[in-house]
Amino acid sequence: MKISYDPEVDAMYIRLIEGEYECRTLRLNEEIALNIGPGEKLVGIEILDAKEVLGSGKLPNLVVENLPLAKVQNL
Protein backbone atom coordinates (compact mmCIF):
# COMPACT_ATOMS: atom_id res chain seq x y z
CA MET A 1 0.00 0.00 0.00
CA LYS A 2 1.20 3.50 -0.80
CA ILE A 3 -0.34 6.79 0.32
CA SER A 4 0.64 9.92 -1.59
CA TYR A 5 -0.40 13.53 -1.14
CA ASP A 6 -0.13 16.45 -3.58
CA PRO A 7 -0.26 19.71 -1.60
CA GLU A 8 -0.63 21.86 -4.75
CA VAL A 9 -4.09 20.43 -5.43
CA ASP A 10 -4.84 19.08 -1.91
CA ALA A 11 -5.38 15.55 -3.23
CA MET A 12 -4.55 12.23 -1.62
CA TYR A 13 -4.26 8.86 -3.33
CA ILE A 14 -4.24 5.57 -1.48
CA ARG A 15 -2.91 2.80 -3.73
CA LEU A 16 -3.91 -0.58 -2.38
CA ILE A 17 -2.48 -2.79 -5.13
CA GLU A 18 0.87 -2.11 -6.80
CA GLY A 19 1.20 -2.24 -10.57
CA GLU A 20 -0.47 -0.77 -13.62
CA TYR A 21 -4.14 -1.62 -14.09
CA GLU A 22 -6.86 -0.47 -16.41
CA CYS A 23 -9.50 0.71 -13.97
CA ARG A 24 -13.00 2.03 -13.99
CA THR A 25 -13.77 4.89 -11.64
CA LEU A 26 -16.67 4.78 -9.23
CA ARG A 27 -17.41 8.24 -7.79
CA LEU A 28 -18.83 8.14 -4.28
CA ASN A 29 -19.26 11.93 -4.23
CA GLU A 30 -17.51 15.04 -5.57
CA GLU A 31 -14.41 14.42 -3.44
CA ILE A 32 -13.99 10.63 -3.28
CA ALA A 33 -13.50 8.17 -6.14
CA LEU A 34 -12.69 4.46 -6.14
CA ASN A 35 -10.54 2.89 -8.85
CA ILE A 36 -11.80 -0.61 -9.55
CA GLY A 37 -9.52 -2.97 -11.46
CA PRO A 38 -9.80 -6.42 -13.01
CA GLY A 39 -11.84 -8.90 -11.01
CA GLU A 40 -13.61 -6.02 -9.26
CA LYS A 41 -10.56 -5.49 -6.99
CA LEU A 42 -10.21 -2.10 -5.34
CA VAL A 43 -6.94 -0.69 -6.69
CA GLY A 44 -7.00 2.77 -5.16
CA ILE A 45 -8.91 5.59 -3.53
CA GLU A 46 -8.66 9.21 -4.65
CA ILE A 47 -9.59 11.96 -2.20
CA LEU A 48 -9.90 15.55 -3.44
CA ASP A 49 -9.96 18.44 -0.94
CA ALA A 50 -8.20 16.00 1.40
CA LYS A 51 -7.64 18.46 4.24
CA GLU A 52 -11.36 19.17 4.52
CA VAL A 53 -12.58 15.63 3.85
CA LEU A 54 -10.17 13.94 6.25
CA GLY A 55 -9.00 16.48 8.77
CA SER A 56 -11.27 19.50 9.24
CA GLY A 57 -8.81 21.85 7.52
CA LYS A 58 -5.53 19.99 8.09
CA LEU A 59 -4.11 16.60 7.21
CA PRO A 60 -4.84 13.99 9.88
CA ASN A 61 -2.17 11.99 11.69
CA LEU A 62 -1.49 8.59 10.18
CA VAL A 63 -1.64 5.62 12.53
CA VAL A 64 -0.50 2.18 11.36
CA GLU A 65 -1.41 -0.80 13.52
CA ASN A 66 -0.38 -4.44 13.25
CA LEU A 67 1.37 -4.02 9.88
CA PRO A 68 5.04 -4.90 9.39
CA LEU A 69 7.11 -1.96 8.21
CA ALA A 70 8.72 -2.19 4.80
CA LYS A 71 12.48 -2.52 4.68
CA VAL A 72 14.22 0.74 3.84
CA GLN A 73 16.80 0.44 1.09
CA ASN A 74 19.85 2.69 1.05
CA LEU A 75 20.25 4.48 -2.25
C-alpha atoms as a PDB file:
ATOM      1  CA  MET A   1       0.000   0.000   0.000  1.00  0.00           C
ATOM      2  CA  LYS A   2       1.200   3.499  -0.802  1.00  0.00           C
ATOM      3  CA  ILE A   3      -0.339   6.787   0.322  1.00  0.00           C
ATOM      4  CA  SER A   4       0.642   9.923  -1.585  1.00  0.00           C
ATOM      5  CA  TYR A   5      -0.404  13.531  -1.140  1.00  0.00           C
ATOM      6  CA  ASP A   6      -0.133  16.452  -3.579  1.00  0.00           C
ATOM      7  CA  PRO A   7      -0.260  19.715  -1.596  1.00  0.00           C
ATOM      8  CA  GLU A   8      -0.626  21.860  -4.746  1.00  0.00           C
ATOM      9  CA  VAL A   9      -4.090  20.428  -5.434  1.00  0.00           C
ATOM     10  CA  ASP A  10      -4.841  19.078  -1.915  1.00  0.00           C
ATOM     11  CA  ALA A  11      -5.380  15.550  -3.235  1.00  0.00           C
ATOM     12  CA  MET A  12      -4.545  12.226  -1.621  1.00  0.00           C
ATOM     13  CA  TYR A  13      -4.263   8.865  -3.334  1.00  0.00           C
ATOM     14  CA  ILE A  14      -4.242   5.569  -1.482  1.00  0.00           C
ATOM     15  CA  ARG A  15      -2.909   2.803  -3.729  1.00  0.00           C
ATOM     16  CA  LEU A  16      -3.913  -0.581  -2.376  1.00  0.00           C
ATOM     17  CA  ILE A  17      -2.478  -2.790  -5.132  1.00  0.00           C
ATOM     18  CA  GLU A  18       0.874  -2.110  -6.805  1.00  0.00           C
ATOM     19  CA  GLY A  19       1.203  -2.242 -10.575  1.00  0.00           C
ATOM     20  CA  GLU A  20      -0.474  -0.769 -13.625  1.00  0.00           C
ATOM     21  CA  TYR A  21      -4.142  -1.617 -14.094  1.00  0.00           C
ATOM     22  CA  GLU A  22      -6.860  -0.472 -16.407  1.00  0.00           C
ATOM     23  CA  CYS A  23      -9.499   0.709 -13.971  1.00  0.00           C
ATOM     24  CA  ARG A  24     -13.000   2.030 -13.990  1.00  0.00           C
ATOM     25  CA  THR A  25     -13.770   4.889 -11.640  1.00  0.00           C
ATOM     26  CA  LEU A  26     -16.674   4.777  -9.231  1.00  0.00           C
ATOM     27  CA  ARG A  27     -17.406   8.241  -7.790  1.00  0.00           C
ATOM     28  CA  LEU A  28     -18.833   8.139  -4.284  1.00  0.00           C
ATOM     29  CA  ASN A  29     -19.260  11.929  -4.232  1.00  0.00           C
ATOM     30  CA  GLU A  30     -17.505  15.041  -5.570  1.00  0.00           C
ATOM     31  CA  GLU A  31     -14.412  14.416  -3.438  1.00  0.00           C
ATOM     32  CA  ILE A  32     -13.989  10.626  -3.279  1.00  0.00           C
ATOM     33  CA  ALA A  33     -13.497   8.174  -6.135  1.00  0.00           C
ATOM     34  CA  LEU A  34     -12.687   4.465  -6.136  1.00  0.00           C
ATOM     35  CA  ASN A  35     -10.537   2.887  -8.848  1.00  0.00           C
ATOM     36  CA  ILE A  36     -11.804  -0.612  -9.552  1.00  0.00           C
ATOM     37  CA  GLY A  37      -9.521  -2.973 -11.464  1.00  0.00           C
ATOM     38  CA  PRO A  38      -9.799  -6.420 -13.010  1.00  0.00           C
ATOM     39  CA  GLY A  39     -11.844  -8.897 -11.015  1.00  0.00           C
ATOM     40  CA  GLU A  40     -13.607  -6.018  -9.258  1.00  0.00           C
ATOM     41  CA  LYS A  41     -10.556  -5.488  -6.992  1.00  0.00           C
ATOM     42  CA  LEU A  42     -10.208  -2.098  -5.336  1.00  0.00           C
ATOM     43  CA  VAL A  43      -6.939  -0.690  -6.692  1.00  0.00           C
ATOM     44  CA  GLY A  44      -6.996   2.773  -5.159  1.00  0.00           C
ATOM     45  CA  ILE A  45      -8.914   5.587  -3.527  1.00  0.00           C
ATOM     46  CA  GLU A  46      -8.657   9.214  -4.647  1.00  0.00           C
ATOM     47  CA  ILE A  47      -9.593  11.958  -2.203  1.00  0.00           C
ATOM     48  CA  LEU A  48      -9.901  15.545  -3.440  1.00  0.00           C
ATOM     49  CA  ASP A  49      -9.958  18.438  -0.941  1.00  0.00           C
ATOM     50  CA  ALA A  50      -8.203  15.998   1.399  1.00  0.00           C
ATOM     51  CA  LYS A  51      -7.643  18.458   4.239  1.00  0.00           C
ATOM     52  CA  GLU A  52     -11.360  19.165   4.518  1.00  0.00           C
ATOM     53  CA  VAL A  53     -12.583  15.631   3.848  1.00  0.00           C
ATOM     54  CA  LEU A  54     -10.168  13.938   6.255  1.00  0.00           C
ATOM     55  CA  GLY A  55      -9.000  16.484   8.766  1.00  0.00           C
ATOM     56  CA  SER A  56     -11.266  19.504   9.238  1.00  0.00           C
ATOM     57  CA  GLY A  57      -8.807  21.848   7.524  1.00  0.00           C
ATOM     58  CA  LYS A  58      -5.530  19.990   8.094  1.00  0.00           C
ATOM     59  CA  LEU A  59      -4.107  16.605   7.215  1.00  0.00           C
ATOM     60  CA  PRO A  60      -4.836  13.993   9.880  1.00  0.00           C
ATOM     61  CA  ASN A  61      -2.170  11.987  11.685  1.00  0.00           C
ATOM     62  CA  LEU A  62      -1.487   8.592  10.180  1.00  0.00           C
ATOM     63  CA  VAL A  63      -1.639   5.623  12.533  1.00  0.00           C
ATOM     64  CA  VAL A  64      -0.499   2.183  11.362  1.00  0.00           C
ATOM     65  CA  GLU A  65      -1.413  -0.801  13.524  1.00  0.00           C
ATOM     66  CA  ASN A  66      -0.382  -4.435  13.246  1.00  0.00           C
ATOM     67  CA  LEU A  67       1.374  -4.020   9.883  1.00  0.00           C
ATOM     68  CA  PRO A  68       5.036  -4.900   9.392  1.00  0.00           C
ATOM     69  CA  LEU A  69       7.110  -1.956   8.207  1.00  0.00           C
ATOM     70  CA  ALA A  70       8.723  -2.188   4.795  1.00  0.00           C
ATOM     71  CA  LYS A  71      12.475  -2.519   4.681  1.00  0.00           C
ATOM     72  CA  VAL A  72      14.219   0.742   3.840  1.00  0.00           C
ATOM     73  CA  GLN A  73      16.800   0.438   1.091  1.00  0.00           C
ATOM     74  CA  ASN A  74      19.850   2.690   1.047  1.00  0.00           C
ATOM     75  CA  LEU A  75      20.248   4.477  -2.252  1.00  0.00           C
END
